[in-house]
PDB file of all heavy atoms in Angstrom:
ATOM      1  N   VAL A   1     -17.019 -83.060 -26.491  1.00  0.00           N
ATOM      2  CA  VAL A   1     -16.846 -81.630 -26.427  1.00  0.00           C
ATOM      3  C   VAL A   1     -18.083 -80.889 -26.605  1.00  0.00           C
ATOM      4  O   VAL A   1     -18.390 -79.952 -25.885  1.00  0.00           O
ATOM      5  CB  VAL A   1     -15.763 -81.184 -27.441  1.00  0.00           C
ATOM      6  CG1 VAL A   1     -15.636 -79.636 -27.437  1.00  0.00           C
ATOM      7  CG2 VAL A   1     -14.461 -81.850 -27.221  1.00  0.00           C
ATOM      8  N   THR A   2     -18.901 -81.215 -27.663  1.00  0.00           N
ATOM      9  CA  THR A   2     -20.226 -80.499 -27.848  1.00  0.00           C
ATOM     10  C   THR A   2     -21.061 -80.744 -26.646  1.00  0.00           C
ATOM     11  O   THR A   2     -21.771 -79.866 -26.226  1.00  0.00           O
ATOM     12  CB  THR A   2     -20.807 -81.145 -29.165  1.00  0.00           C
ATOM     13  OG1 THR A   2     -19.934 -80.892 -30.304  1.00  0.00           O
ATOM     14  CG2 THR A   2     -22.164 -80.435 -29.335  1.00  0.00           C
ATOM     15  N   ALA A   3     -21.092 -81.963 -26.093  1.00  0.00           N
ATOM     16  CA  ALA A   3     -21.976 -82.192 -24.996  1.00  0.00           C
ATOM     17  C   ALA A   3     -21.530 -81.431 -23.787  1.00  0.00           C
ATOM     18  O   ALA A   3     -22.400 -80.787 -23.111  1.00  0.00           O
ATOM     19  CB  ALA A   3     -21.860 -83.736 -24.576  1.00  0.00           C
ATOM     20  N   ASN A   4     -20.242 -81.223 -23.460  1.00  0.00           N
ATOM     21  CA  ASN A   4     -19.801 -80.517 -22.319  1.00  0.00           C
ATOM     22  C   ASN A   4     -20.011 -79.018 -22.515  1.00  0.00           C
ATOM     23  O   ASN A   4     -20.366 -78.353 -21.641  1.00  0.00           O
ATOM     24  CB  ASN A   4     -18.382 -80.772 -22.155  1.00  0.00           C
ATOM     25  CG  ASN A   4     -17.922 -80.566 -20.664  1.00  0.00           C
ATOM     26  OD1 ASN A   4     -16.776 -80.906 -20.298  1.00  0.00           O
ATOM     27  ND2 ASN A   4     -18.782 -79.734 -19.926  1.00  0.00           N
ATOM     28  N   LEU A   5     -19.914 -78.531 -23.822  1.00  0.00           N
ATOM     29  CA  LEU A   5     -20.220 -77.166 -24.079  1.00  0.00           C
ATOM     30  C   LEU A   5     -21.675 -76.806 -23.845  1.00  0.00           C
ATOM     31  O   LEU A   5     -21.996 -75.821 -23.281  1.00  0.00           O
ATOM     32  CB  LEU A   5     -19.776 -76.828 -25.498  1.00  0.00           C
ATOM     33  CG  LEU A   5     -18.319 -76.543 -25.810  1.00  0.00           C
ATOM     34  CD1 LEU A   5     -18.162 -76.505 -27.316  1.00  0.00           C
ATOM     35  CD2 LEU A   5     -17.927 -75.276 -25.147  1.00  0.00           C
ATOM     36  N   LEU A   6     -22.504 -77.735 -24.272  1.00  0.00           N
ATOM     37  CA  LEU A   6     -23.969 -77.557 -24.083  1.00  0.00           C
ATOM     38  C   LEU A   6     -24.396 -77.571 -22.543  1.00  0.00           C
ATOM     39  O   LEU A   6     -25.263 -76.915 -22.095  1.00  0.00           O
ATOM     40  CB  LEU A   6     -24.795 -78.551 -24.848  1.00  0.00           C
ATOM     41  CG  LEU A   6     -24.765 -78.401 -26.380  1.00  0.00           C
ATOM     42  CD1 LEU A   6     -25.374 -79.669 -27.064  1.00  0.00           C
ATOM     43  CD2 LEU A   6     -25.600 -77.172 -26.767  1.00  0.00           C
ATOM     44  N   ALA A   7     -23.539 -78.306 -21.895  1.00  0.00           N
ATOM     45  CA  ALA A   7     -23.923 -78.458 -20.348  1.00  0.00           C
ATOM     46  C   ALA A   7     -23.640 -77.138 -19.689  1.00  0.00           C
ATOM     47  O   ALA A   7     -24.105 -76.955 -18.567  1.00  0.00           O
ATOM     48  CB  ALA A   7     -23.063 -79.514 -19.652  1.00  0.00           C
ATOM     49  N   VAL A   8     -22.826 -76.287 -20.243  1.00  0.00           N
ATOM     50  CA  VAL A   8     -22.499 -74.988 -19.644  1.00  0.00           C
ATOM     51  C   VAL A   8     -23.699 -74.053 -19.516  1.00  0.00           C
ATOM     52  O   VAL A   8     -23.671 -73.033 -18.865  1.00  0.00           O
ATOM     53  CB  VAL A   8     -21.250 -74.284 -20.472  1.00  0.00           C
ATOM     54  CG1 VAL A   8     -21.006 -72.923 -19.858  1.00  0.00           C
ATOM     55  CG2 VAL A   8     -20.005 -75.200 -20.424  1.00  0.00           C
ATOM     56  N   ILE A   9     -24.831 -74.443 -20.166  1.00  0.00           N
ATOM     57  CA  ILE A   9     -25.991 -73.607 -20.029  1.00  0.00           C
ATOM     58  C   ILE A   9     -26.579 -73.705 -18.587  1.00  0.00           C
ATOM     59  O   ILE A   9     -27.381 -72.858 -18.263  1.00  0.00           O
ATOM     60  CB  ILE A   9     -27.080 -73.947 -21.035  1.00  0.00           C
ATOM     61  CG1 ILE A   9     -27.781 -75.314 -20.742  1.00  0.00           C
ATOM     62  CG2 ILE A   9     -26.597 -73.797 -22.519  1.00  0.00           C
ATOM     63  CD1 ILE A   9     -28.988 -75.539 -21.521  1.00  0.00           C
ATOM     64  N   GLU A  10     -26.172 -74.644 -17.831  1.00  0.00           N
ATOM     65  CA  GLU A  10     -26.647 -74.834 -16.534  1.00  0.00           C
ATOM     66  C   GLU A  10     -26.454 -73.596 -15.679  1.00  0.00           C
ATOM     67  O   GLU A  10     -27.434 -73.029 -15.152  1.00  0.00           O
ATOM     68  CB  GLU A  10     -26.011 -76.095 -15.768  1.00  0.00           C
ATOM     69  CG  GLU A  10     -26.448 -76.182 -14.361  1.00  0.00           C
ATOM     70  CD  GLU A  10     -25.568 -77.075 -13.561  1.00  0.00           C
ATOM     71  OE1 GLU A  10     -24.633 -77.804 -14.082  1.00  0.00           O
ATOM     72  OE2 GLU A  10     -25.754 -77.228 -12.292  1.00  0.00           O
ATOM     73  N   PRO A  11     -25.255 -73.040 -15.518  1.00  0.00           N
ATOM     74  CA  PRO A  11     -25.128 -71.868 -14.645  1.00  0.00           C
ATOM     75  C   PRO A  11     -25.757 -70.598 -15.178  1.00  0.00           C
ATOM     76  O   PRO A  11     -26.026 -69.662 -14.545  1.00  0.00           O
ATOM     77  CB  PRO A  11     -23.565 -71.611 -14.495  1.00  0.00           C
ATOM     78  CG  PRO A  11     -23.004 -72.381 -15.735  1.00  0.00           C
ATOM     79  CD  PRO A  11     -23.862 -73.595 -15.894  1.00  0.00           C
ATOM     80  N   VAL A  12     -25.982 -70.615 -16.552  1.00  0.00           N
ATOM     81  CA  VAL A  12     -26.640 -69.517 -17.196  1.00  0.00           C
ATOM     82  C   VAL A  12     -28.123 -69.504 -16.789  1.00  0.00           C
ATOM     83  O   VAL A  12     -28.690 -68.447 -16.524  1.00  0.00           O
ATOM     84  CB  VAL A  12     -26.532 -69.671 -18.738  1.00  0.00           C
ATOM     85  CG1 VAL A  12     -27.403 -68.527 -19.350  1.00  0.00           C
ATOM     86  CG2 VAL A  12     -25.146 -69.575 -19.227  1.00  0.00           C
ATOM     87  N   PHE A  13     -28.816 -70.595 -16.668  1.00  0.00           N
ATOM     88  CA  PHE A  13     -30.223 -70.688 -16.308  1.00  0.00           C
ATOM     89  C   PHE A  13     -30.525 -70.566 -14.798  1.00  0.00           C
ATOM     90  O   PHE A  13     -31.543 -70.329 -14.400  1.00  0.00           O
ATOM     91  CB  PHE A  13     -30.893 -71.951 -16.892  1.00  0.00           C
ATOM     92  CG  PHE A  13     -31.274 -71.762 -18.256  1.00  0.00           C
ATOM     93  CD1 PHE A  13     -30.543 -72.484 -19.362  1.00  0.00           C
ATOM     94  CD2 PHE A  13     -32.306 -70.936 -18.670  1.00  0.00           C
ATOM     95  CE1 PHE A  13     -30.934 -72.366 -20.666  1.00  0.00           C
ATOM     96  CE2 PHE A  13     -32.715 -70.821 -20.046  1.00  0.00           C
ATOM     97  CZ  PHE A  13     -31.959 -71.530 -20.994  1.00  0.00           C
ATOM     98  N   ASN A  14     -29.489 -70.868 -14.054  1.00  0.00           N
ATOM     99  CA  ASN A  14     -29.607 -70.797 -12.494  1.00  0.00           C
ATOM    100  C   ASN A  14     -30.198 -69.481 -12.054  1.00  0.00           C
ATOM    101  O   ASN A  14     -31.192 -69.544 -11.349  1.00  0.00           O
ATOM    102  CB  ASN A  14     -28.289 -71.000 -11.899  1.00  0.00           C
ATOM    103  CG  ASN A  14     -28.113 -72.497 -11.333  1.00  0.00           C
ATOM    104  OD1 ASN A  14     -28.957 -73.000 -10.737  1.00  0.00           O
ATOM    105  ND2 ASN A  14     -26.968 -73.094 -11.581  1.00  0.00           N
ATOM    106  N   PRO A  15     -29.591 -68.362 -12.384  1.00  0.00           N
ATOM    107  CA  PRO A  15     -30.221 -67.098 -11.969  1.00  0.00           C
ATOM    108  C   PRO A  15     -31.597 -66.794 -12.534  1.00  0.00           C
ATOM    109  O   PRO A  15     -32.375 -66.060 -11.909  1.00  0.00           O
ATOM    110  CB  PRO A  15     -29.162 -66.104 -12.412  1.00  0.00           C
ATOM    111  CG  PRO A  15     -28.408 -66.674 -13.541  1.00  0.00           C
ATOM    112  CD  PRO A  15     -28.416 -68.186 -13.219  1.00  0.00           C
ATOM    113  N   VAL A  16     -31.873 -67.425 -13.734  1.00  0.00           N
ATOM    114  CA  VAL A  16     -33.261 -67.232 -14.272  1.00  0.00           C
ATOM    115  C   VAL A  16     -34.314 -67.810 -13.398  1.00  0.00           C
ATOM    116  O   VAL A  16     -35.294 -67.232 -13.105  1.00  0.00           O
ATOM    117  CB  VAL A  16     -33.234 -67.845 -15.753  1.00  0.00           C
ATOM    118  CG1 VAL A  16     -34.683 -67.732 -16.233  1.00  0.00           C
ATOM    119  CG2 VAL A  16     -32.325 -67.214 -16.593  1.00  0.00           C
ATOM    120  N   TRP A  17     -34.068 -69.064 -12.939  1.00  0.00           N
ATOM    121  CA  TRP A  17     -35.024 -69.734 -12.053  1.00  0.00           C
ATOM    122  C   TRP A  17     -35.187 -68.972 -10.742  1.00  0.00           C
ATOM    123  O   TRP A  17     -36.307 -68.732 -10.290  1.00  0.00           O
ATOM    124  CB  TRP A  17     -34.610 -71.176 -11.669  1.00  0.00           C
ATOM    125  CG  TRP A  17     -34.712 -72.081 -12.903  1.00  0.00           C
ATOM    126  CD1 TRP A  17     -33.582 -72.683 -13.482  1.00  0.00           C
ATOM    127  CD2 TRP A  17     -35.779 -72.606 -13.569  1.00  0.00           C
ATOM    128  NE1 TRP A  17     -34.086 -73.493 -14.490  1.00  0.00           N
ATOM    129  CE2 TRP A  17     -35.441 -73.465 -14.560  1.00  0.00           C
ATOM    130  CE3 TRP A  17     -37.172 -72.309 -13.453  1.00  0.00           C
ATOM    131  CZ2 TRP A  17     -36.333 -74.106 -15.426  1.00  0.00           C
ATOM    132  CZ3 TRP A  17     -38.081 -72.883 -14.215  1.00  0.00           C
ATOM    133  CH2 TRP A  17     -37.613 -73.817 -15.197  1.00  0.00           C
ATOM    134  N   VAL A  18     -34.074 -68.501 -10.207  1.00  0.00           N
ATOM    135  CA  VAL A  18     -34.191 -67.719  -8.966  1.00  0.00           C
ATOM    136  C   VAL A  18     -34.916 -66.409  -9.117  1.00  0.00           C
ATOM    137  O   VAL A  18     -35.718 -65.974  -8.211  1.00  0.00           O
ATOM    138  CB  VAL A  18     -32.740 -67.419  -8.428  1.00  0.00           C
ATOM    139  CG1 VAL A  18     -32.767 -66.571  -7.228  1.00  0.00           C
ATOM    140  CG2 VAL A  18     -32.003 -68.811  -8.177  1.00  0.00           C
ATOM    141  N   PHE A  19     -34.683 -65.844 -10.322  1.00  0.00           N
ATOM    142  CA  PHE A  19     -35.457 -64.555 -10.581  1.00  0.00           C
ATOM    143  C   PHE A  19     -36.973 -64.789 -10.646  1.00  0.00           C
ATOM    144  O   PHE A  19     -37.812 -64.102 -10.155  1.00  0.00           O
ATOM    145  CB  PHE A  19     -34.974 -63.952 -11.826  1.00  0.00           C
ATOM    146  CG  PHE A  19     -35.757 -62.819 -12.412  1.00  0.00           C
ATOM    147  CD1 PHE A  19     -35.902 -61.613 -11.693  1.00  0.00           C
ATOM    148  CD2 PHE A  19     -36.478 -62.970 -13.528  1.00  0.00           C
ATOM    149  CE1 PHE A  19     -36.665 -60.560 -12.178  1.00  0.00           C
ATOM    150  CE2 PHE A  19     -37.338 -61.929 -14.020  1.00  0.00           C
ATOM    151  CZ  PHE A  19     -37.369 -60.740 -13.347  1.00  0.00           C
ATOM    152  N   LEU A  20     -37.328 -65.848 -11.469  1.00  0.00           N
ATOM    153  CA  LEU A  20     -38.725 -66.213 -11.699  1.00  0.00           C
ATOM    154  C   LEU A  20     -39.572 -66.563 -10.394  1.00  0.00           C
ATOM    155  O   LEU A  20     -40.697 -66.230 -10.274  1.00  0.00           O
ATOM    156  CB  LEU A  20     -38.824 -67.263 -12.757  1.00  0.00           C
ATOM    157  CG  LEU A  20     -38.448 -66.905 -14.191  1.00  0.00           C
ATOM    158  CD1 LEU A  20     -38.524 -68.173 -15.070  1.00  0.00           C
ATOM    159  CD2 LEU A  20     -39.363 -65.792 -14.686  1.00  0.00           C
ATOM    160  N   VAL A  21     -38.906 -67.326  -9.543  1.00  0.00           N
ATOM    161  CA  VAL A  21     -39.523 -67.709  -8.361  1.00  0.00           C
ATOM    162  C   VAL A  21     -39.307 -66.908  -7.168  1.00  0.00           C
ATOM    163  O   VAL A  21     -40.226 -66.617  -6.396  1.00  0.00           O
ATOM    164  CB  VAL A  21     -39.035 -69.287  -8.002  1.00  0.00           C
ATOM    165  CG1 VAL A  21     -39.740 -69.742  -6.805  1.00  0.00           C
ATOM    166  CG2 VAL A  21     -39.418 -70.182  -9.219  1.00  0.00           C
ATOM    167  N   LEU A  22     -38.030 -66.416  -6.970  1.00  0.00           N
ATOM    168  CA  LEU A  22     -37.784 -65.688  -5.671  1.00  0.00           C
ATOM    169  C   LEU A  22     -37.603 -64.132  -5.944  1.00  0.00           C
ATOM    170  O   LEU A  22     -37.528 -63.373  -5.016  1.00  0.00           O
ATOM    171  CB  LEU A  22     -36.444 -66.181  -5.118  1.00  0.00           C
ATOM    172  CG  LEU A  22     -36.449 -67.686  -4.782  1.00  0.00           C
ATOM    173  CD1 LEU A  22     -35.082 -68.027  -4.113  1.00  0.00           C
ATOM    174  CD2 LEU A  22     -37.576 -68.028  -3.714  1.00  0.00           C
ATOM    175  N   GLY A  23     -37.700 -63.809  -7.292  1.00  0.00           N
ATOM    176  CA  GLY A  23     -37.658 -62.378  -7.572  1.00  0.00           C
ATOM    177  C   GLY A  23     -36.320 -61.637  -7.467  1.00  0.00           C
ATOM    178  O   GLY A  23     -36.224 -60.454  -7.464  1.00  0.00           O
ATOM    179  N   GLU A  24     -35.211 -62.516  -7.320  1.00  0.00           N
ATOM    180  CA  GLU A  24     -33.868 -61.827  -7.337  1.00  0.00           C
ATOM    181  C   GLU A  24     -33.458 -61.579  -8.718  1.00  0.00           C
ATOM    182  O   GLU A  24     -33.198 -62.491  -9.612  1.00  0.00           O
ATOM    183  CB  GLU A  24     -32.863 -62.860  -6.646  1.00  0.00           C
ATOM    184  CG  GLU A  24     -33.161 -63.117  -5.217  1.00  0.00           C
ATOM    185  CD  GLU A  24     -32.147 -64.002  -4.603  1.00  0.00           C
ATOM    186  OE1 GLU A  24     -30.994 -64.207  -5.181  1.00  0.00           O
ATOM    187  OE2 GLU A  24     -32.387 -64.437  -3.477  1.00  0.00           O
ATOM    188  N   ALA A  25     -33.365 -60.284  -9.030  1.00  0.00           N
ATOM    189  CA  ALA A  25     -33.041 -59.861 -10.443  1.00  0.00           C
ATOM    190  C   ALA A  25     -31.648 -60.201 -10.780  1.00  0.00           C
ATOM    191  O   ALA A  25     -30.709 -59.890  -9.989  1.00  0.00           O
ATOM    192  CB  ALA A  25     -33.288 -58.360 -10.673  1.00  0.00           C
ATOM    193  N   PRO A  26     -31.284 -60.730 -11.983  1.00  0.00           N
ATOM    194  CA  PRO A  26     -29.906 -60.922 -12.417  1.00  0.00           C
ATOM    195  C   PRO A  26     -29.209 -59.618 -12.743  1.00  0.00           C
ATOM    196  O   PRO A  26     -29.791 -58.677 -13.187  1.00  0.00           O
ATOM    197  CB  PRO A  26     -30.055 -61.804 -13.674  1.00  0.00           C
ATOM    198  CG  PRO A  26     -31.439 -61.485 -14.155  1.00  0.00           C
ATOM    199  CD  PRO A  26     -32.308 -61.158 -13.020  1.00  0.00           C
ATOM    200  N   SER A  27     -27.864 -59.598 -12.561  1.00  0.00           N
ATOM    201  CA  SER A  27     -27.117 -58.386 -12.718  1.00  0.00           C
ATOM    202  C   SER A  27     -26.827 -58.247 -14.213  1.00  0.00           C
ATOM    203  O   SER A  27     -27.086 -59.175 -15.072  1.00  0.00           O
ATOM    204  CB  SER A  27     -25.721 -58.535 -12.019  1.00  0.00           C
ATOM    205  OG  SER A  27     -24.970 -59.615 -12.540  1.00  0.00           O
ATOM    206  N   ALA A  28     -26.314 -57.088 -14.603  1.00  0.00           N
ATOM    207  CA  ALA A  28     -25.920 -56.885 -15.981  1.00  0.00           C
ATOM    208  C   ALA A  28     -24.846 -57.865 -16.497  1.00  0.00           C
ATOM    209  O   ALA A  28     -24.926 -58.343 -17.550  1.00  0.00           O
ATOM    210  CB  ALA A  28     -25.402 -55.557 -16.187  1.00  0.00           C
ATOM    211  N   ASN A  29     -23.921 -58.196 -15.565  1.00  0.00           N
ATOM    212  CA  ASN A  29     -22.895 -59.251 -15.953  1.00  0.00           C
ATOM    213  C   ASN A  29     -23.478 -60.467 -16.320  1.00  0.00           C
ATOM    214  O   ASN A  29     -22.994 -61.270 -17.099  1.00  0.00           O
ATOM    215  CB  ASN A  29     -21.905 -59.289 -14.711  1.00  0.00           C
ATOM    216  CG  ASN A  29     -20.911 -58.133 -14.698  1.00  0.00           C
ATOM    217  OD1 ASN A  29     -20.884 -57.354 -15.513  1.00  0.00           O
ATOM    218  ND2 ASN A  29     -20.141 -58.051 -13.597  1.00  0.00           N
ATOM    219  N   THR A  30     -24.516 -60.960 -15.420  1.00  0.00           N
ATOM    220  CA  THR A  30     -25.197 -62.264 -15.613  1.00  0.00           C
ATOM    221  C   THR A  30     -25.858 -62.275 -17.027  1.00  0.00           C
ATOM    222  O   THR A  30     -25.775 -63.209 -17.626  1.00  0.00           O
ATOM    223  CB  THR A  30     -26.191 -62.476 -14.521  1.00  0.00           C
ATOM    224  OG1 THR A  30     -25.641 -62.435 -13.263  1.00  0.00           O
ATOM    225  CG2 THR A  30     -26.976 -63.743 -14.822  1.00  0.00           C
TER     226      THR A  30
END
């Protein structure tokens, strides 16, 4: 359970990478 919960950070960091490299700013919801 702990491992699967920690894996949920994946979609959280997805928009961060896109913002840093491609400049697409994350929304307030993100």
